[in-house]
């Protein structure tokens, strides 16, 4: 009789073990069916950073040329255009900075934050070759990229239709915006608005 009781206990234990195994198997299967691609989606979120976007630019200002005399007496001129959003906030600005004493000209770009800084900014006139400009520094909501610009590129801007500005993202793509150049030549060659910031000794 003891042998029969032991046999019964063994059968009961084996049955409980089988039930536990079945429950674990059903739970695992249900989890896979609920989110079969969960691991793939998680990997995508970890590998691919959020895509950077340029703020919407509602309009660009007309190109204007502003000149002033610095403390050293040299005349410096800035031919500039700004892109603003619907609220009137400046989103992007382009400055061509030139000195009357023949010093090298510079192109200065105020661009949105949130992009790949080591990639710099690429500037292209129409369908020409892009010219890279490194980021110099960033403020709270905008970054400045600047560098020397050759006379031939200034000539291309005078005869061009659009200045394409490209910023690199963290997933190896680029985001671009086009600044109209149709008024650039007239402003650049025309008479400037002049300001005198030189110090008067009297």
Protein backbone atom coordinates (compact mmCIF):
# COMPACT_ATOMS: atom_id res chain seq x y z
CA UNK A 1 0.00 0.00 0.00
CA UNK A 2 2.88 2.36 0.79
CA UNK A 3 4.19 1.65 -2.68
CA UNK A 4 0.87 2.77 -4.22
CA UNK A 5 0.85 5.98 -2.15
CA UNK A 6 4.39 6.84 -3.26
CA UNK A 7 3.45 6.18 -6.85
CA UNK A 8 0.43 8.49 -6.55
CA UNK A 9 2.54 11.25 -5.02
CA UNK A 10 5.00 10.99 -7.89
CA UNK A 11 2.23 11.27 -10.46
CA UNK A 12 0.78 14.34 -8.70
CA UNK A 13 4.21 16.03 -8.58
CA UNK A 14 4.84 15.30 -12.24
CA UNK A 15 1.42 16.70 -13.13
CA UNK A 16 2.05 19.96 -11.21
CA UNK A 17 5.45 20.37 -12.87
CA UNK A 18 3.86 19.90 -16.31
CA UNK A 19 1.18 22.49 -15.55
CA UNK A 20 3.81 25.07 -14.46
CA UNK A 21 5.81 24.49 -17.66
CA UNK A 22 2.69 24.93 -19.79
CA UNK A 23 1.82 28.20 -18.00
CA UNK A 24 5.33 29.62 -18.61
CA UNK A 25 5.15 28.62 -22.27
CA UNK A 26 1.73 30.26 -22.74
CA UNK A 27 2.89 33.47 -21.03
CA UNK A 28 5.99 33.70 -23.24
CA UNK A 29 3.95 33.12 -26.38
CA UNK A 30 1.41 35.78 -25.39
CA UNK A 31 4.20 38.31 -24.78
CA UNK A 32 5.69 37.67 -28.23
CA UNK A 33 2.27 38.04 -29.89
CA UNK A 34 1.55 41.29 -28.02
CA UNK A 35 4.80 42.94 -29.17
CA UNK A 36 6.46 40.69 -31.77
CA UNK A 37 8.70 43.47 -33.07
CA UNK A 38 9.26 45.22 -29.77
CA UNK A 39 12.95 44.48 -29.66
CA UNK A 40 13.44 45.72 -33.23
CA UNK A 41 11.60 48.97 -32.47
CA UNK A 42 13.67 49.49 -29.33
CA UNK A 43 16.88 48.99 -31.32
CA UNK A 44 15.72 51.54 -33.90
CA UNK A 45 14.98 54.10 -31.18
CA UNK A 46 18.39 53.55 -29.64
CA UNK A 47 20.35 53.58 -32.90
CA UNK A 48 18.55 56.37 -34.78
CA UNK A 49 18.50 59.76 -32.99
CA UNK A 50 15.56 62.14 -33.51
CA UNK A 51 15.56 63.85 -36.91
CA UNK A 52 16.45 67.54 -36.68
CA UNK A 53 14.16 69.98 -38.46
CA UNK A 54 14.48 73.61 -39.44
CA UNK A 55 11.85 75.95 -37.99
CA UNK A 56 9.32 77.13 -40.54
CA UNK A 57 10.46 80.38 -42.17
CA UNK A 58 7.52 82.61 -43.07
CA UNK A 59 9.45 85.26 -45.02
CA UNK A 60 12.88 86.66 -45.82
CA UNK A 61 13.72 90.34 -45.48
CA UNK A 62 14.98 92.33 -48.44
CA UNK A 63 18.77 92.40 -48.68
CA UNK A 64 20.21 95.56 -47.11
CA UNK A 65 23.72 97.01 -46.93
CA UNK A 66 24.79 98.64 -43.67
CA UNK A 67 28.17 100.34 -43.24
CA UNK A 68 29.91 101.82 -40.21
CA UNK A 69 33.31 103.13 -39.20
CA UNK A 70 35.03 101.23 -36.46
CA UNK A 71 37.30 102.57 -33.75
CA UNK A 72 40.29 102.09 -36.09
CA UNK A 73 38.66 104.30 -38.73
CA UNK A 74 38.15 101.43 -41.20
CA UNK A 75 34.79 101.20 -42.94
CA UNK A 76 33.06 97.86 -42.54
CA UNK A 77 29.97 96.93 -44.56
CA UNK A 78 27.46 94.16 -43.91
CA UNK A 79 25.08 93.03 -46.67
CA UNK A 80 22.41 91.05 -44.89
CA UNK A 81 19.07 89.23 -45.11
CA UNK A 82 17.06 87.51 -42.35
CA UNK A 83 14.44 84.76 -42.35
CA UNK A 84 11.69 85.06 -39.71
CA UNK A 85 8.89 82.79 -38.51
CA UNK A 86 5.19 83.66 -38.13
CA UNK A 87 5.86 85.33 -34.78
CA UNK A 88 8.53 87.59 -36.29
CA UNK A 89 11.43 85.81 -34.58
CA UNK A 90 14.67 85.56 -36.57
CA UNK A 91 15.26 81.93 -37.54
CA UNK A 92 18.17 82.41 -39.97
CA UNK A 93 20.40 85.29 -41.02
CA UNK A 94 23.09 85.70 -43.67
CA UNK A 95 25.75 88.43 -43.42
CA UNK A 96 28.38 89.23 -46.01
CA UNK A 97 30.97 91.29 -44.11
CA UNK A 98 33.54 93.36 -46.08
CA UNK A 99 36.17 95.94 -45.18
CA UNK A 100 36.85 98.97 -47.34
CA UNK A 101 40.60 98.68 -46.68
CA UNK A 102 40.77 95.48 -48.74
CA UNK A 103 40.77 92.96 -45.90
CA UNK A 104 39.33 89.49 -46.54
CA UNK A 105 35.56 89.23 -46.79
CA UNK A 106 33.65 86.89 -44.47
CA UNK A 107 30.32 85.11 -44.68
CA UNK A 108 28.52 84.87 -41.34
CA UNK A 109 25.50 82.60 -40.83
CA UNK A 110 23.06 82.60 -37.93
CA UNK A 111 21.38 79.17 -38.04
CA UNK A 112 19.13 77.09 -35.73
CA UNK A 113 20.55 74.86 -33.02
CA UNK A 114 20.21 71.08 -32.72
CA UNK A 115 22.42 69.96 -35.60
CA UNK A 116 25.73 68.10 -35.91
CA UNK A 117 28.33 70.74 -35.05
CA UNK A 118 31.43 68.92 -36.40
CA UNK A 119 29.71 68.66 -39.81
CA UNK A 120 29.59 72.46 -40.14
CA UNK A 121 27.33 74.30 -42.59
CA UNK A 122 27.49 73.94 -46.38
CA UNK A 123 26.61 76.91 -48.58
CA UNK A 124 25.83 76.58 -52.30
CA UNK A 125 24.89 79.18 -54.89
CA UNK A 126 22.26 77.66 -57.21
CA UNK A 127 23.64 74.33 -58.48
CA UNK A 128 27.32 75.11 -57.87
CA UNK A 129 29.80 73.36 -55.61
CA UNK A 130 29.14 73.61 -51.84
CA UNK A 131 31.48 75.63 -49.63
CA UNK A 132 31.86 74.52 -45.98
CA UNK A 133 31.73 76.99 -43.10
CA UNK A 134 32.57 75.82 -39.56
CA UNK A 135 30.47 76.61 -36.51
CA UNK A 136 32.15 79.27 -34.35
CA UNK A 137 29.91 79.24 -31.30
CA UNK A 138 26.31 78.68 -30.17
CA UNK A 139 23.97 80.79 -28.07
CA UNK A 140 20.73 79.75 -26.32
CA UNK A 141 18.68 79.15 -29.45
CA UNK A 142 20.96 79.86 -32.39
CA UNK A 143 24.45 78.98 -33.68
CA UNK A 144 26.90 81.08 -35.69
CA UNK A 145 28.97 79.65 -38.52
CA UNK A 146 31.44 81.87 -40.33
CA UNK A 147 34.56 81.93 -42.47
CA UNK A 148 36.35 83.67 -45.32
CA UNK A 149 34.53 83.91 -48.65
CA UNK A 150 36.37 84.22 -51.97
CA UNK A 151 35.51 87.00 -54.47
CA UNK A 152 34.32 84.45 -57.05
CA UNK A 153 31.60 83.22 -54.68
CA UNK A 154 30.46 86.79 -54.05
CA UNK A 155 30.17 87.19 -57.83
CA UNK A 156 28.08 84.01 -57.99
CA UNK A 157 25.79 85.43 -55.30
CA UNK A 158 25.32 88.62 -57.35
CA UNK A 159 24.22 86.65 -60.42
CA UNK A 160 22.53 83.75 -58.60
CA UNK A 161 18.95 82.98 -57.69
CA UNK A 162 19.22 81.19 -54.34
CA UNK A 163 21.72 80.58 -51.57
CA UNK A 164 21.29 77.02 -50.30
CA UNK A 165 22.25 76.52 -46.65
CA UNK A 166 22.66 72.91 -45.47
CA UNK A 167 23.08 71.68 -41.90
CA UNK A 168 24.12 68.12 -41.08
CA UNK A 169 22.01 65.99 -38.73
CA UNK A 170 23.13 63.24 -36.35
CA UNK A 171 21.92 60.46 -38.68
CA UNK A 172 24.20 61.50 -41.58
CA UNK A 173 21.47 63.35 -43.50
CA UNK A 174 21.14 67.10 -44.18
CA UNK A 175 18.42 69.71 -43.81
CA UNK A 176 18.47 72.64 -46.24
CA UNK A 177 16.86 76.02 -46.76
CA UNK A 178 17.14 78.43 -49.71
CA UNK A 179 17.68 82.15 -49.20
CA UNK A 180 16.54 84.23 -52.22
CA UNK A 181 19.33 86.17 -53.97
CA UNK A 182 17.26 88.19 -56.45
CA UNK A 183 17.81 91.44 -54.48
CA UNK A 184 21.35 90.74 -53.33
CA UNK A 185 23.21 92.34 -56.26
CA UNK A 186 21.31 95.64 -56.07
CA UNK A 187 21.86 95.90 -52.32
CA UNK A 188 25.52 94.87 -52.50
CA UNK A 189 26.41 97.30 -55.28
CA UNK A 190 24.07 100.09 -54.17
CA UNK A 191 24.60 102.89 -51.64
CA UNK A 192 24.64 101.76 -48.02
CA UNK A 193 23.06 103.05 -44.88
CA UNK A 194 26.05 104.49 -42.98
CA UNK A 195 26.67 104.64 -39.24
CA UNK A 196 29.67 106.20 -37.50
CA UNK A 197 30.80 104.40 -34.35
CA UNK A 198 34.23 105.97 -34.21
CA UNK A 199 35.28 107.75 -30.99
CA UNK A 200 35.48 111.56 -31.11
CA UNK A 201 38.54 112.99 -29.37
CA UNK A 202 36.86 116.37 -28.72
